[in-house]
Amino acid sequence: NLDNQRKTVEEERRRGVDNQPYGRALLDALTAPFDSAGCFAYAHSTIGEYADLDSAKVDEVRAFHAEYYAPNNAVVTIAGDFDPAEARRLLEQYFGDIPRVSAAPPVTCTYQLDTGAKELTETDRNATLPLVALVYKAPPQRDSDTPALDLLASILGDGESSRLNRTLVREERAAVYAGGFANSYREAGVMIFYAIDNQGVPAARVDSLLSAALDRVRNDTVTTAELVKAQNQYRAGAIRDRQTTMGVAETLQGALWYAGSLGEANEDVAEHLAVTATDLRRVAREYLDSANRLTLIVNPPATGRAAP
């Protein structure tokens, strides 16, 4: 019944978010840049808030299911060694009698870069060290700037040799870990760069070092070696994803869902390999602007540390 499912989702929320160090912070970093009025879907997490879960009624759940869970709002992907005719027969047998419904309301987002910096401070009872995150709005998955932003995020925050880890962890010893990533949706996206403060290092210093590292990539050209490495990593990831049946299915489904074309599965890699150092500098200047930034400070309990 609904109460059992409600408890199941709430337990998933506690286990996957609330009881994980910085779990709530990640959720906030992904949703806080967006406002409910212009971008409702991205301003709310899919796991939901407890108040919404507790207030859900059976009729509301049924109405939601009837509106969205229909063949004309779904993509079925089959991958592996199979006979297409037999697969179609089975699809018709098991799914053919499910009726179509009126077109589901599209996910809409009025995407635009912010024009004023924002700050958010919160306490995490599971954290033992503060965390500083700089979050930027970014364009949708199929925007022409997205490949360059993907590679820029990799150069800045992917792995031990990334710029952020090298500067904040190995050189300045201001953080125990630093990284970043780009996350794009159909209608908008975000870029998140973060660092977990080293013991006794003020959040203001970590924030300053993060900001300086991002300013450098806005003002200085990325080296050819950095770009080639990021492109090789992206291509290797795409090849790795295609080495399993599940990976092939997810790649094809993603291409159809985001771009409406199976050919996008291969075009995406080519687009990333075509990015130049000039492209990286241009998108860094446009999107990594302080006016487009949300600064998120996460404190352990009873530190009394405030946002810079």
C-alpha atoms as a PDB file:
ATOM      1  CA  ASN A   1       0.000   0.000   0.000  1.00  0.00           C
ATOM      2  CA  LEU A   2       0.979   3.655  -0.203  1.00  0.00           C
ATOM      3  CA  ASP A   3       2.223   3.882   3.385  1.00  0.00           C
ATOM      4  CA  ASN A   4       4.619   0.966   2.837  1.00  0.00           C
ATOM      5  CA  GLN A   5       6.004   2.573  -0.321  1.00  0.00           C
ATOM      6  CA  ARG A   6       6.238   5.943   1.394  1.00  0.00           C
ATOM      7  CA  LYS A   7       8.343   4.389   4.170  1.00  0.00           C
ATOM      8  CA  THR A   8      10.515   2.649   1.575  1.00  0.00           C
ATOM      9  CA  VAL A   9      11.287   5.897  -0.234  1.00  0.00           C
ATOM     10  CA  GLU A  10      11.920   7.742   3.030  1.00  0.00           C
ATOM     11  CA  GLU A  11      14.357   5.029   4.085  1.00  0.00           C
ATOM     12  CA  GLU A  12      16.112   5.301   0.708  1.00  0.00           C
ATOM     13  CA  ARG A  13      16.342   9.039   1.291  1.00  0.00           C
ATOM     14  CA  ARG A  14      17.847   8.578   4.764  1.00  0.00           C
ATOM     15  CA  ARG A  15      20.302   5.907   3.633  1.00  0.00           C
ATOM     16  CA  GLY A  16      21.392   7.554   0.392  1.00  0.00           C
ATOM     17  CA  VAL A  17      21.290  11.237   1.345  1.00  0.00           C
ATOM     18  CA  ASP A  18      20.705  12.231   4.960  1.00  0.00           C
ATOM     19  CA  ASN A  19      23.013   9.666   6.562  1.00  0.00           C
ATOM     20  CA  GLN A  20      25.855  10.235   4.095  1.00  0.00           C
ATOM     21  CA  PRO A  21      28.499  12.897   4.761  1.00  0.00           C
ATOM     22  CA  TYR A  22      27.755  15.853   2.474  1.00  0.00           C
ATOM     23  CA  GLY A  23      24.768  13.971   1.007  1.00  0.00           C
ATOM     24  CA  ARG A  24      22.391  16.850   1.601  1.00  0.00           C
ATOM     25  CA  ALA A  25      24.980  19.282   0.267  1.00  0.00           C
ATOM     26  CA  LEU A  26      25.176  17.441  -3.062  1.00  0.00           C
ATOM     27  CA  LEU A  27      21.390  17.497  -3.331  1.00  0.00           C
ATOM     28  CA  ASP A  28      21.342  21.226  -2.627  1.00  0.00           C
ATOM     29  CA  ALA A  29      24.182  21.922  -5.055  1.00  0.00           C
ATOM     30  CA  LEU A  30      22.197  20.257  -7.839  1.00  0.00           C
ATOM     31  CA  THR A  31      18.888  21.968  -7.080  1.00  0.00           C
ATOM     32  CA  ALA A  32      19.555  25.319  -5.348  1.00  0.00           C
ATOM     33  CA  PRO A  33      20.681  27.170  -8.510  1.00  0.00           C
ATOM     34  CA  PHE A  34      17.184  26.776  -9.957  1.00  0.00           C
ATOM     35  CA  ASP A  35      13.931  28.398  -8.861  1.00  0.00           C
ATOM     36  CA  SER A  36      10.558  26.671  -8.735  1.00  0.00           C
ATOM     37  CA  ALA A  37       8.799  29.302 -10.803  1.00  0.00           C
ATOM     38  CA  GLY A  38      10.954  29.035 -13.920  1.00  0.00           C
ATOM     39  CA  CYS A  39      12.507  25.601 -13.510  1.00  0.00           C
ATOM     40  CA  PHE A  40      10.386  23.469 -11.208  1.00  0.00           C
ATOM     41  CA  ALA A  41      11.744  20.054 -12.236  1.00  0.00           C
ATOM     42  CA  TYR A  42      15.388  20.929 -11.537  1.00  0.00           C
ATOM     43  CA  ALA A  43      14.670  22.925  -8.386  1.00  0.00           C
ATOM     44  CA  HIS A  44      13.407  19.733  -6.699  1.00  0.00           C
ATOM     45  CA  SER A  45      15.200  16.425  -6.227  1.00  0.00           C
ATOM     46  CA  THR A  46      13.645  13.250  -7.599  1.00  0.00           C
ATOM     47  CA  ILE A  47      13.945  11.515  -4.216  1.00  0.00           C
ATOM     48  CA  GLY A  48      11.681  14.188  -2.715  1.00  0.00           C
ATOM     49  CA  GLU A  49      11.426  16.010   0.589  1.00  0.00           C
ATOM     50  CA  TYR A  50       9.857  14.368   3.636  1.00  0.00           C
ATOM     51  CA  ALA A  51       7.024  16.902   3.780  1.00  0.00           C
ATOM     52  CA  ASP A  52       6.018  16.082   0.212  1.00  0.00           C
ATOM     53  CA  LEU A  53       6.321  12.334   0.765  1.00  0.00           C
ATOM     54  CA  ASP A  54       4.255  12.513   3.954  1.00  0.00           C
ATOM     55  CA  SER A  55       1.510  14.598   2.354  1.00  0.00           C
ATOM     56  CA  ALA A  56       1.120  12.502  -0.837  1.00  0.00           C
ATOM     57  CA  LYS A  57      -2.378  11.074  -1.310  1.00  0.00           C
ATOM     58  CA  VAL A  58      -3.366   7.899  -3.157  1.00  0.00           C
ATOM     59  CA  ASP A  59      -5.379   9.879  -5.715  1.00  0.00           C
ATOM     60  CA  GLU A  60      -2.390  12.144  -6.405  1.00  0.00           C
ATOM     61  CA  VAL A  61      -0.079   9.179  -6.972  1.00  0.00           C
ATOM     62  CA  ARG A  62      -2.607   7.523  -9.278  1.00  0.00           C
ATOM     63  CA  ALA A  63      -3.051  10.731 -11.264  1.00  0.00           C
ATOM     64  CA  PHE A  64       0.722  11.148 -11.621  1.00  0.00           C
ATOM     65  CA  HIS A  65       1.092   7.550 -12.803  1.00  0.00           C
ATOM     66  CA  ALA A  66      -1.730   7.912 -15.311  1.00  0.00           C
ATOM     67  CA  GLU A  67      -0.232  11.107 -16.705  1.00  0.00           C
ATOM     68  CA  TYR A  68       3.389  10.049 -17.119  1.00  0.00           C
ATOM     69  CA  TYR A  69       3.653   6.242 -17.130  1.00  0.00           C
ATOM     70  CA  ALA A  70       2.519   5.506 -20.678  1.00  0.00           C
ATOM     71  CA  PRO A  71       4.072   3.992 -23.838  1.00  0.00           C
ATOM     72  CA  ASN A  72       4.117   7.342 -25.629  1.00  0.00           C
ATOM     73  CA  ASN A  73       6.211   8.810 -22.814  1.00  0.00           C
ATOM     74  CA  ALA A  74       8.764   5.983 -22.632  1.00  0.00           C
ATOM     75  CA  VAL A  75      11.739   4.592 -24.518  1.00  0.00           C
ATOM     76  CA  VAL A  76      12.371   0.843 -24.598  1.00  0.00           C
ATOM     77  CA  THR A  77      15.946  -0.152 -25.432  1.00  0.00           C
ATOM     78  CA  ILE A  78      16.962  -3.747 -26.113  1.00  0.00           C
ATOM     79  CA  ALA A  79      20.621  -4.631 -26.531  1.00  0.00           C
ATOM     80  CA  GLY A  80      22.414  -7.934 -26.990  1.00  0.00           C
ATOM     81  CA  ASP A  81      22.206 -11.009 -29.190  1.00  0.00           C
ATOM     82  CA  PHE A  82      18.520 -11.348 -30.090  1.00  0.00           C
ATOM     83  CA  ASP A  83      16.167 -11.819 -33.024  1.00  0.00           C
ATOM     84  CA  PRO A  84      14.473  -8.463 -33.816  1.00  0.00           C
ATOM     85  CA  ALA A  85      11.259 -10.095 -34.973  1.00  0.00           C
ATOM     86  CA  GLU A  86      10.976 -12.150 -31.790  1.00  0.00           C
ATOM     87  CA  ALA A  87      11.783  -9.107 -29.667  1.00  0.00           C
ATOM     88  CA  ARG A  88       9.003  -7.138 -31.358  1.00  0.00           C
ATOM     89  CA  ARG A  89       6.578 -10.001 -30.815  1.00  0.00           C
ATOM     90  CA  LEU A  90       7.384 -10.102 -27.111  1.00  0.00           C
ATOM     91  CA  LEU A  91       7.070  -6.340 -26.803  1.00  0.00           C
ATOM     92  CA  GLU A  92       3.628  -6.490 -28.389  1.00  0.00           C
ATOM     93  CA  GLN A  93       2.664  -9.408 -26.152  1.00  0.00           C
ATOM     94  CA  TYR A  94       3.640  -7.812 -22.869  1.00  0.00           C
ATOM     95  CA  PHE A  95       3.219  -4.098 -23.570  1.00  0.00           C
ATOM     96  CA  GLY A  96       0.949  -3.822 -26.603  1.00  0.00           C
ATOM     97  CA  ASP A  97      -2.307  -3.534 -24.663  1.00  0.00           C
ATOM     98  CA  ILE A  98      -1.130  -0.614 -22.506  1.00  0.00           C
ATOM     99  CA  PRO A  99      -3.073   2.384 -23.805  1.00  0.00           C
ATOM    100  CA  ARG A 100      -1.549   5.631 -24.930  1.00  0.00           C
ATOM    101  CA  VAL A 101      -2.462   8.768 -23.035  1.00  0.00           C
ATOM    102  CA  SER A 102      -2.544  12.443 -23.807  1.00  0.00           C
ATOM    103  CA  ALA A 103       0.964  13.837 -24.195  1.00  0.00           C
ATOM    104  CA  ALA A 104       2.623  14.209 -20.808  1.00  0.00           C
ATOM    105  CA  PRO A 105       3.430  17.793 -19.826  1.00  0.00           C
ATOM    106  CA  PRO A 106       6.984  18.522 -20.987  1.00  0.00           C
ATOM    107  CA  VAL A 107       9.753  19.312 -18.543  1.00  0.00           C
ATOM    108  CA  THR A 108      10.372  22.999 -19.002  1.00  0.00           C
ATOM    109  CA  CYS A 109      13.092  25.244 -17.637  1.00  0.00           C
ATOM    110  CA  THR A 110      13.605  28.906 -18.306  1.00  0.00           C
ATOM    111  CA  TYR A 111      17.372  28.668 -18.579  1.00  0.00           C
ATOM    112  CA  GLN A 112      19.477  31.762 -18.041  1.00  0.00           C
ATOM    113  CA  LEU A 113      22.708  32.508 -16.234  1.00  0.00           C
ATOM    114  CA  ASP A 114      22.433  34.187 -12.851  1.00  0.00           C
ATOM    115  CA  THR A 115      23.331  37.857 -12.545  1.00  0.00           C
ATOM    116  CA  GLY A 116      24.185  37.950  -8.853  1.00  0.00           C
ATOM    117  CA  ALA A 117      26.267  35.720  -6.580  1.00  0.00           C
ATOM    118  CA  LYS A 118      24.418  33.686  -3.936  1.00  0.00           C
ATOM    119  CA  GLU A 119      25.525  32.002  -0.698  1.00  0.00           C
ATOM    120  CA  LEU A 120      24.103  29.080   1.240  1.00  0.00           C
ATOM    121  CA  THR A 121      25.389  27.755   4.571  1.00  0.00           C
ATOM    122  CA  GLU A 122      24.261  24.546   6.252  1.00  0.00           C
ATOM    123  CA  THR A 123      25.298  22.112   8.977  1.00  0.00           C
ATOM    124  CA  ASP A 124      25.876  18.419   8.273  1.00  0.00           C
ATOM    125  CA  ARG A 125      25.767  16.159  11.336  1.00  0.00           C
ATOM    126  CA  ASN A 126      27.648  13.432   9.428  1.00  0.00           C
ATOM    127  CA  ALA A 127      30.535  15.643   8.323  1.00  0.00           C
ATOM    128  CA  THR A 128      33.787  15.861  10.270  1.00  0.00           C
ATOM    129  CA  LEU A 129      35.374  18.586   8.125  1.00  0.00           C
ATOM    130  CA  PRO A 130      33.878  21.646   6.406  1.00  0.00           C
ATOM    131  CA  LEU A 131      33.236  21.622   2.677  1.00  0.00           C
ATOM    132  CA  VAL A 132      33.183  24.528   0.245  1.00  0.00           C
ATOM    133  CA  ALA A 133      31.429  24.186  -3.113  1.00  0.00           C
ATOM    134  CA  LEU A 134      31.160  26.662  -5.968  1.00  0.00           C
ATOM    135  CA  VAL A 135      28.155  25.928  -8.178  1.00  0.00           C
ATOM    136  CA  TYR A 136      27.478  27.470 -11.586  1.00  0.00           C
ATOM    137  CA  LYS A 137      24.507  27.264 -13.901  1.00  0.00           C
ATOM    138  CA  ALA A 138      25.377  25.645 -17.227  1.00  0.00           C
ATOM    139  CA  PRO A 139      23.589  25.012 -20.532  1.00  0.00           C
ATOM    140  CA  PRO A 140      21.507  21.958 -21.492  1.00  0.00           C
ATOM    141  CA  GLN A 141      22.895  18.617 -22.654  1.00  0.00           C
ATOM    142  CA  ARG A 142      22.608  19.406 -26.362  1.00  0.00           C
ATOM    143  CA  ASP A 143      23.953  22.953 -26.215  1.00  0.00           C
ATOM    144  CA  SER A 144      27.006  23.525 -28.403  1.00  0.00           C
ATOM    145  CA  ASP A 145      29.008  24.680 -25.365  1.00  0.00           C
ATOM    146  CA  THR A 146      28.414  21.508 -23.331  1.00  0.00           C
ATOM    147  CA  PRO A 147      31.303  19.430 -24.765  1.00  0.00           C
ATOM    148  CA  ALA A 148      33.778  22.193 -23.881  1.00  0.00           C
ATOM    149  CA  LEU A 149      32.325  22.507 -20.374  1.00  0.00           C
ATOM    150  CA  ASP A 150      32.568  18.732 -19.879  1.00  0.00           C
ATOM    151  CA  LEU A 151      36.259  18.814 -20.725  1.00  0.00           C
ATOM    152  CA  LEU A 152      36.849  21.941 -18.658  1.00  0.00           C
ATOM    153  CA  ALA A 153      35.312  20.246 -15.612  1.00  0.00           C
ATOM    154  CA  SER A 154      37.563  17.235 -16.208  1.00  0.00           C
ATOM    155  CA  ILE A 155      40.704  19.380 -16.405  1.00  0.00           C
ATOM    156  CA  LEU A 156      39.778  21.245 -13.250  1.00  0.00           C
ATOM    157  CA  GLY A 157      38.371  18.503 -11.072  1.00  0.00           C
ATOM    158  CA  ASP A 158      38.718  14.934 -12.340  1.00  0.00           C
ATOM    159  CA  GLY A 159      41.317  12.884 -10.485  1.00  0.00           C
ATOM    160  CA  GLU A 160      44.489  13.430  -8.511  1.00  0.00           C
ATOM    161  CA  SER A 161      46.267  15.197 -11.368  1.00  0.00           C
ATOM    162  CA  SER A 162      43.448  17.709 -11.866  1.00  0.00           C
ATOM    163  CA  ARG A 163      44.167  21.392 -11.315  1.00  0.00           C
ATOM    164  CA  LEU A 164      42.063  21.666  -8.165  1.00  0.00           C
ATOM    165  CA  ASN A 165      43.512  18.607  -6.470  1.00  0.00           C
ATOM    166  CA  ARG A 166      47.049  19.581  -7.426  1.00  0.00           C
ATOM    167  CA  THR A 167      46.676  23.136  -6.134  1.00  0.00           C
ATOM    168  CA  LEU A 168      44.488  22.795  -3.054  1.00  0.00           C
ATOM    169  CA  VAL A 169      45.592  19.368  -1.809  1.00  0.00           C
ATOM    170  CA  ARG A 170      49.176  18.775  -2.889  1.00  0.00           C
ATOM    171  CA  GLU A 171      50.606  22.302  -3.098  1.00  0.00           C
ATOM    172  CA  GLU A 172      48.628  24.435  -0.643  1.00  0.00           C
ATOM    173  CA  ARG A 173      47.563  21.582   1.663  1.00  0.00           C
ATOM    174  CA  ALA A 174      44.385  23.506   2.318  1.00  0.00           C
ATOM    175  CA  ALA A 175      42.086  20.582   1.495  1.00  0.00           C
ATOM    176  CA  VAL A 176      42.064  16.828   1.937  1.00  0.00           C
ATOM    177  CA  TYR A 177      40.167  16.431  -1.340  1.00  0.00           C
ATOM    178  CA  ALA A 178      39.177  18.690  -4.206  1.00  0.00           C
ATOM    179  CA  GLY A 179      37.289  17.955  -7.396  1.00  0.00           C
ATOM    180  CA  GLY A 180      34.495  18.945  -9.715  1.00  0.00           C
ATOM    181  CA  PHE A 181      32.132  17.824 -12.438  1.00  0.00           C
ATOM    182  CA  ALA A 182      29.580  19.010 -14.977  1.00  0.00           C
ATOM    183  CA  ASN A 183      26.018  17.689 -14.837  1.00  0.00           C
ATOM    184  CA  SER A 184      23.731  18.490 -17.773  1.00  0.00           C
ATOM    185  CA  TYR A 185      20.022  17.826 -18.266  1.00  0.00           C
ATOM    186  CA  ARG A 186      17.688  18.266 -21.226  1.00  0.00           C
ATOM    187  CA  GLU A 187      16.859  21.873 -20.361  1.00  0.00           C
ATOM    188  CA  ALA A 188      19.760  23.146 -18.225  1.00  0.00           C
ATOM    189  CA  GLY A 189      22.836  22.034 -16.293  1.00  0.00           C
ATOM    190  CA  VAL A 190      25.230  22.787 -13.448  1.00  0.00           C
ATOM    191  CA  MET A 191      28.962  22.738 -12.835  1.00  0.00           C
ATOM    192  CA  ILE A 192      30.121  21.972  -9.297  1.00  0.00           C
ATOM    193  CA  PHE A 193      33.646  22.469  -7.929  1.00  0.00           C
ATOM    194  CA  TYR A 194      34.321  21.644  -4.300  1.00  0.00           C
ATOM    195  CA  ALA A 195      36.933  21.025  -1.645  1.00  0.00           C
ATOM    196  CA  ILE A 196      36.868  19.384   1.777  1.00  0.00           C
ATOM    197  CA  ASP A 197      38.840  21.655   4.104  1.00  0.00           C
ATOM    198  CA  ASN A 198      41.961  20.368   5.773  1.00  0.00           C
ATOM    199  CA  GLN A 199      41.854  20.372   9.566  1.00  0.00           C
ATOM    200  CA  GLY A 200      42.103  23.917  10.908  1.00  0.00           C
ATOM    201  CA  VAL A 201      42.006  25.652   7.513  1.00  0.00           C
ATOM    202  CA  PRO A 202      39.408  28.461   7.410  1.00  0.00           C
ATOM    203  CA  ALA A 203      36.602  28.067   4.894  1.00  0.00           C
ATOM    204  CA  ALA A 204      37.424  31.559   3.610  1.00  0.00           C
ATOM    205  CA  ARG A 205      40.894  30.398   2.536  1.00  0.00           C
ATOM    206  CA  VAL A 206      39.534  27.326   0.747  1.00  0.00           C
ATOM    207  CA  ASP A 207      36.930  29.470  -0.972  1.00  0.00           C
ATOM    208  CA  SER A 208      39.642  31.910  -2.037  1.00  0.00           C
ATOM    209  CA  LEU A 209      41.854  29.148  -3.453  1.00  0.00           C
ATOM    210  CA  LEU A 210      38.941  27.568  -5.335  1.00  0.00           C
ATOM    211  CA  SER A 211      37.970  30.925  -6.792  1.00  0.00           C
ATOM    212  CA  ALA A 212      41.545  31.699  -7.791  1.00  0.00           C
ATOM    213  CA  ALA A 213      41.914  28.352  -9.581  1.00  0.00           C
ATOM    214  CA  LEU A 214      38.749  29.017 -11.566  1.00  0.00           C
ATOM    215  CA  ASP A 215      39.847  32.573 -12.351  1.00  0.00           C
ATOM    216  CA  ARG A 216      43.125  31.242 -13.735  1.00  0.00           C
ATOM    217  CA  VAL A 217      41.368  29.007 -16.221  1.00  0.00           C
ATOM    218  CA  ARG A 218      39.252  31.993 -17.282  1.00  0.00           C
ATOM    219  CA  ASN A 219      42.295  34.154 -17.938  1.00  0.00           C
ATOM    220  CA  ASP A 220      44.960  31.686 -19.100  1.00  0.00           C
ATOM    221  CA  THR A 221      44.835  29.242 -21.994  1.00  0.00           C
ATOM    222  CA  VAL A 222      44.601  25.562 -21.085  1.00  0.00           C
ATOM    223  CA  THR A 223      47.669  23.656 -22.225  1.00  0.00           C
ATOM    224  CA  THR A 224      47.542  21.270 -25.165  1.00  0.00           C
ATOM    225  CA  ALA A 225      48.563  18.424 -22.860  1.00  0.00           C
ATOM    226  CA  GLU A 226      45.647  19.122 -20.511  1.00  0.00           C
ATOM    227  CA  LEU A 227      43.155  19.260 -23.372  1.00  0.00           C
ATOM    228  CA  VAL A 228      44.429  16.079 -25.040  1.00  0.00           C
ATOM    229  CA  LYS A 229      44.367  14.233 -21.722  1.00  0.00           C
ATOM    230  CA  ALA A 230      40.772  15.272 -21.045  1.00  0.00           C
ATOM    231  CA  GLN A 231      39.717  14.275 -24.554  1.00  0.00           C
ATOM    232  CA  ASN A 232      41.461  10.910 -24.253  1.00  0.00           C
ATOM    233  CA  GLN A 233      39.706  10.306 -20.929  1.00  0.00           C
ATOM    234  CA  TYR A 234      36.338  11.130 -22.467  1.00  0.00           C
ATOM    235  CA  ARG A 235      36.935   8.853 -25.449  1.00  0.00           C
ATOM    236  CA  ALA A 236      38.170   6.027 -23.216  1.00  0.00           C
ATOM    237  CA  GLY A 237      35.047   6.390 -21.072  1.00  0.00           C
ATOM    238  CA  ALA A 238      32.818   6.200 -24.138  1.00  0.00           C
ATOM    239  CA  ILE A 239      34.607   3.051 -25.327  1.00  0.00           C
ATOM    240  CA  ARG A 240      34.377   1.505 -21.867  1.00  0.00           C
ATOM    241  CA  ASP A 241      30.647   2.231 -21.721  1.00  0.00           C
ATOM    242  CA  ARG A 242      30.128   0.282 -24.942  1.00  0.00           C
ATOM    243  CA  GLN A 243      31.894  -2.862 -23.754  1.00  0.00           C
ATOM    244  CA  THR A 244      28.892  -4.227 -21.875  1.00  0.00           C
ATOM    245  CA  THR A 245      25.354  -4.914 -23.037  1.00  0.00           C
ATOM    246  CA  MET A 246      23.983  -2.596 -20.377  1.00  0.00           C
ATOM    247  CA  GLY A 247      26.410   0.126 -21.441  1.00  0.00           C
ATOM    248  CA  VAL A 248      25.322  -0.138 -25.067  1.00  0.00           C
ATOM    249  CA  ALA A 249      21.667   0.069 -24.043  1.00  0.00           C
ATOM    250  CA  GLU A 250      22.238   3.112 -21.822  1.00  0.00           C
ATOM    251  CA  THR A 251      24.310   4.882 -24.482  1.00  0.00           C
ATOM    252  CA  LEU A 252      21.653   4.394 -27.167  1.00  0.00           C
ATOM    253  CA  GLN A 253      18.813   5.328 -24.865  1.00  0.00           C
ATOM    254  CA  GLY A 254      20.616   8.466 -23.723  1.00  0.00           C
ATOM    255  CA  ALA A 255      21.242   9.517 -27.329  1.00  0.00           C
ATOM    256  CA  LEU A 256      17.576   9.057 -28.219  1.00  0.00           C
ATOM    257  CA  TRP A 257      16.325  10.728 -25.035  1.00  0.00           C
ATOM    258  CA  TYR A 258      18.555  13.800 -25.150  1.00  0.00           C
ATOM    259  CA  ALA A 259      18.960  14.323 -28.894  1.00  0.00           C
ATOM    260  CA  GLY A 260      16.172  12.326 -30.506  1.00  0.00           C
ATOM    261  CA  SER A 261      18.731  10.506 -32.638  1.00  0.00           C
ATOM    262  CA  LEU A 262      20.657   7.262 -32.205  1.00  0.00           C
ATOM    263  CA  GLY A 263      23.469   8.804 -34.235  1.00  0.00           C
ATOM    264  CA  GLU A 264      24.145  11.135 -31.322  1.00  0.00           C
ATOM    265  CA  ALA A 265      25.866   8.201 -29.576  1.00  0.00           C
ATOM    266  CA  ASN A 266      28.813   8.616 -31.953  1.00  0.00           C
ATOM    267  CA  GLU A 267      28.443  12.334 -32.690  1.00  0.00           C
ATOM    268  CA  ASP A 268      28.848  13.146 -28.994  1.00  0.00           C
ATOM    269  CA  VAL A 269      32.383  11.742 -28.924  1.00  0.00           C
ATOM    270  CA  ALA A 270      33.328  13.584 -32.132  1.00  0.00           C
ATOM    271  CA  GLU A 271      32.027  16.854 -30.674  1.00  0.00           C
ATOM    272  CA  HIS A 272      34.222  16.468 -27.581  1.00  0.00           C
ATOM    273  CA  LEU A 273      37.277  15.647 -29.684  1.00  0.00           C
ATOM    274  CA  ALA A 274      36.707  18.792 -31.774  1.00  0.00           C
ATOM    275  CA  VAL A 275      36.943  21.152 -28.778  1.00  0.00           C
ATOM    276  CA  THR A 276      39.909  23.553 -28.832  1.00  0.00           C
ATOM    277  CA  ALA A 277      41.805  25.388 -26.099  1.00  0.00           C
ATOM    278  CA  THR A 278      40.186  28.587 -27.379  1.00  0.00           C
ATOM    279  CA  ASP A 279      36.762  27.029 -26.797  1.00  0.00           C
ATOM    280  CA  LEU A 280      37.703  26.174 -23.218  1.00  0.00           C
ATOM    281  CA  ARG A 281      38.823  29.708 -22.436  1.00  0.00           C
ATOM    282  CA  ARG A 282      35.669  31.155 -23.996  1.00  0.00           C
ATOM    283  CA  VAL A 283      33.239  28.957 -22.016  1.00  0.00           C
ATOM    284  CA  ALA A 284      35.241  29.446 -18.821  1.00  0.00           C
ATOM    285  CA  ARG A 285      34.882  33.214 -19.172  1.00  0.00           C
ATOM    286  CA  GLU A 286      31.171  32.975 -19.913  1.00  0.00           C
ATOM    287  CA  TYR A 287      30.003  30.439 -17.343  1.00  0.00           C
ATOM    288  CA  LEU A 288      32.556  30.583 -14.502  1.00  0.00           C
ATOM    289  CA  ASP A 289      31.636  34.162 -13.733  1.00  0.00           C
ATOM    290  CA  SER A 290      31.257  35.135 -10.086  1.00  0.00           C
ATOM    291  CA  ALA A 291      27.795  36.574 -10.847  1.00  0.00           C
ATOM    292  CA  ASN A 292      26.705  33.094 -11.970  1.00  0.00           C
ATOM    293  CA  ARG A 293      27.962  31.448  -8.771  1.00  0.00           C
ATOM    294  CA  LEU A 294      26.311  29.851  -5.775  1.00  0.00           C
ATOM    295  CA  THR A 295      28.735  29.385  -2.868  1.00  0.00           C
ATOM    296  CA  LEU A 296      27.759  26.498  -0.604  1.00  0.00           C
ATOM    297  CA  ILE A 297      29.443  26.162   2.806  1.00  0.00           C
ATOM    298  CA  VAL A 298      28.889  22.946   4.770  1.00  0.00           C
ATOM    299  CA  ASN A 299      29.943  22.892   8.427  1.00  0.00           C
ATOM    300  CA  PRO A 300      30.236  19.971  10.828  1.00  0.00           C
ATOM    301  CA  PRO A 301      28.148  20.324  14.009  1.00  0.00           C
ATOM    302  CA  ALA A 302      29.218  22.957  16.529  1.00  0.00           C
ATOM    303  CA  THR A 303      32.115  24.419  14.554  1.00  0.00           C
ATOM    304  CA  GLY A 304      30.590  27.848  14.500  1.00  0.00           C
ATOM    305  CA  ARG A 305      32.234  28.467  11.159  1.00  0.00           C
ATOM    306  CA  ALA A 306      30.436  30.965   8.992  1.00  0.00           C
ATOM    307  CA  ALA A 307      30.397  31.509   5.280  1.00  0.00           C
ATOM    308  CA  PRO A 308      33.182  33.732   3.941  1.00  0.00           C
END
